[in-house]
Amino acid sequence: MISYLFAILFKIIYLVIIVVVLLSWIPIFDTKKEPILTLIKIYDYIMAPFKAIIPPIGMIDISPVVAIIVIQIVERLLLKILIGIGL
């Protein structure tokens, strides 16, 4: 049961990252209004460690790609441990 809740949490994290990255490509959205503002705050909180380590390459920010890869690794390890102990 707990492993299922963590799996859902990780899917929400992936969704937030992907939605904010896609919205950054479309300039018609007002980022000062809800719910986009809340998504951006969550995104900034998740991405802060990655952006501190990985600088943009020219005009391209690869930190979301690296973040998704790292989060997937953490998810797999955590779920494997939780399922292994029966949670």
C-alpha atoms as a PDB file:
ATOM      1  CA  MET A   1       0.000   0.000   0.000  1.00  0.00           C
ATOM      2  CA  ILE A   2       2.741   2.468   0.897  1.00  0.00           C
ATOM      3  CA  SER A   3       4.676   1.514  -2.216  1.00  0.00           C
ATOM      4  CA  TYR A   4       1.569   2.310  -4.290  1.00  0.00           C
ATOM      5  CA  LEU A   5       1.296   5.781  -2.697  1.00  0.00           C
ATOM      6  CA  PHE A   6       4.973   6.472  -3.404  1.00  0.00           C
ATOM      7  CA  ALA A   7       4.503   5.350  -7.010  1.00  0.00           C
ATOM      8  CA  ILE A   8       1.637   7.843  -7.379  1.00  0.00           C
ATOM      9  CA  LEU A   9       3.736  10.600  -5.790  1.00  0.00           C
ATOM     10  CA  PHE A  10       6.553  10.003  -8.256  1.00  0.00           C
ATOM     11  CA  LYS A  11       4.113  10.062 -11.192  1.00  0.00           C
ATOM     12  CA  ILE A  12       2.827  13.444  -9.972  1.00  0.00           C
ATOM     13  CA  ILE A  13       6.400  14.742  -9.782  1.00  0.00           C
ATOM     14  CA  TYR A  14       7.060  13.608 -13.373  1.00  0.00           C
ATOM     15  CA  LEU A  15       3.832  15.213 -14.522  1.00  0.00           C
ATOM     16  CA  VAL A  16       4.675  18.551 -12.867  1.00  0.00           C
ATOM     17  CA  ILE A  17       8.124  18.622 -14.482  1.00  0.00           C
ATOM     18  CA  ILE A  18       6.794  17.779 -17.944  1.00  0.00           C
ATOM     19  CA  VAL A  19       3.873  20.222 -17.770  1.00  0.00           C
ATOM     20  CA  VAL A  20       6.029  23.159 -16.649  1.00  0.00           C
ATOM     21  CA  VAL A  21       8.653  22.434 -19.303  1.00  0.00           C
ATOM     22  CA  LEU A  22       5.969  22.287 -21.993  1.00  0.00           C
ATOM     23  CA  LEU A  23       4.345  25.487 -20.697  1.00  0.00           C
ATOM     24  CA  SER A  24       7.706  27.247 -20.881  1.00  0.00           C
ATOM     25  CA  TRP A  25       7.675  26.641 -24.631  1.00  0.00           C
ATOM     26  CA  ILE A  26       4.252  28.286 -25.012  1.00  0.00           C
ATOM     27  CA  PRO A  27       4.431  31.990 -24.100  1.00  0.00           C
ATOM     28  CA  ILE A  28       0.655  32.577 -24.158  1.00  0.00           C
ATOM     29  CA  PHE A  29       0.143  31.377 -20.572  1.00  0.00           C
ATOM     30  CA  ASP A  30       0.256  33.926 -17.748  1.00  0.00           C
ATOM     31  CA  THR A  31       2.633  32.481 -15.158  1.00  0.00           C
ATOM     32  CA  LYS A  32       1.354  34.861 -12.460  1.00  0.00           C
ATOM     33  CA  LYS A  33      -2.079  33.197 -12.258  1.00  0.00           C
ATOM     34  CA  GLU A  34      -3.220  30.007 -10.600  1.00  0.00           C
ATOM     35  CA  PRO A  35      -2.874  27.031 -11.149  1.00  0.00           C
ATOM     36  CA  ILE A  36       0.237  27.655 -13.239  1.00  0.00           C
ATOM     37  CA  LEU A  37       1.869  29.640 -10.420  1.00  0.00           C
ATOM     38  CA  THR A  38       1.498  26.695  -8.034  1.00  0.00           C
ATOM     39  CA  LEU A  39       2.931  24.285 -10.610  1.00  0.00           C
ATOM     40  CA  ILE A  40       5.916  26.571 -11.131  1.00  0.00           C
ATOM     41  CA  LYS A  41       6.535  26.803  -7.367  1.00  0.00           C
ATOM     42  CA  ILE A  42       6.502  23.015  -7.054  1.00  0.00           C
ATOM     43  CA  TYR A  43       8.733  22.721 -10.127  1.00  0.00           C
ATOM     44  CA  ASP A  44      11.226  25.257  -8.749  1.00  0.00           C
ATOM     45  CA  TYR A  45      11.363  23.392  -5.429  1.00  0.00           C
ATOM     46  CA  ILE A  46      12.027  20.065  -7.169  1.00  0.00           C
ATOM     47  CA  MET A  47      14.499  21.483  -9.679  1.00  0.00           C
ATOM     48  CA  ALA A  48      16.556  23.736  -7.357  1.00  0.00           C
ATOM     49  CA  PRO A  49      19.224  21.093  -6.545  1.00  0.00           C
ATOM     50  CA  PHE A  50      19.556  20.086 -10.191  1.00  0.00           C
ATOM     51  CA  LYS A  51      19.779  23.657 -11.492  1.00  0.00           C
ATOM     52  CA  ALA A  52      22.456  24.422  -8.889  1.00  0.00           C
ATOM     53  CA  ILE A  53      24.631  21.589 -10.208  1.00  0.00           C
ATOM     54  CA  ILE A  54      23.832  21.578 -13.941  1.00  0.00           C
ATOM     55  CA  PRO A  55      24.284  24.860 -15.801  1.00  0.00           C
ATOM     56  CA  PRO A  56      22.392  25.505 -19.048  1.00  0.00           C
ATOM     57  CA  ILE A  57      24.213  24.576 -22.226  1.00  0.00           C
ATOM     58  CA  GLY A  58      23.804  27.680 -24.346  1.00  0.00           C
ATOM     59  CA  MET A  59      20.063  28.297 -24.497  1.00  0.00           C
ATOM     60  CA  ILE A  60      19.197  24.707 -23.571  1.00  0.00           C
ATOM     61  CA  ASP A  61      18.503  23.669 -19.980  1.00  0.00           C
ATOM     62  CA  ILE A  62      19.048  19.937 -19.624  1.00  0.00           C
ATOM     63  CA  SER A  63      18.386  19.860 -15.879  1.00  0.00           C
ATOM     64  CA  PRO A  64      14.766  18.601 -16.290  1.00  0.00           C
ATOM     65  CA  VAL A  65      16.010  15.598 -18.272  1.00  0.00           C
ATOM     66  CA  VAL A  66      18.674  14.833 -15.674  1.00  0.00           C
ATOM     67  CA  ALA A  67      16.124  15.343 -12.887  1.00  0.00           C
ATOM     68  CA  ILE A  68      13.692  12.855 -14.425  1.00  0.00           C
ATOM     69  CA  ILE A  69      16.459  10.265 -14.834  1.00  0.00           C
ATOM     70  CA  VAL A  70      17.673  10.699 -11.241  1.00  0.00           C
ATOM     71  CA  ILE A  71      14.137  10.654  -9.852  1.00  0.00           C
ATOM     72  CA  GLN A  72      13.391   7.454 -11.804  1.00  0.00           C
ATOM     73  CA  ILE A  73      16.464   5.787 -10.293  1.00  0.00           C
ATOM     74  CA  VAL A  74      15.432   6.875  -6.793  1.00  0.00           C
ATOM     75  CA  GLU A  75      11.872   5.692  -7.441  1.00  0.00           C
ATOM     76  CA  ARG A  76      12.973   2.248  -8.569  1.00  0.00           C
ATOM     77  CA  LEU A  77      15.322   1.809  -5.613  1.00  0.00           C
ATOM     78  CA  LEU A  78      12.757   3.017  -3.088  1.00  0.00           C
ATOM     79  CA  LEU A  79       9.944   0.896  -4.512  1.00  0.00           C
ATOM     80  CA  LYS A  80      12.188  -2.168  -4.668  1.00  0.00           C
ATOM     81  CA  ILE A  81      13.049  -1.699  -0.982  1.00  0.00           C
ATOM     82  CA  LEU A  82       9.426  -1.088   0.045  1.00  0.00           C
ATOM     83  CA  ILE A  83       8.128  -4.074  -1.912  1.00  0.00           C
ATOM     84  CA  GLY A  84      10.998  -6.200  -0.546  1.00  0.00           C
ATOM     85  CA  ILE A  85       9.953  -5.500   3.046  1.00  0.00           C
ATOM     86  CA  GLY A  86       6.287  -6.014   2.244  1.00  0.00           C
ATOM     87  CA  LEU A  87       5.011  -2.459   2.254  1.00  0.00           C
END
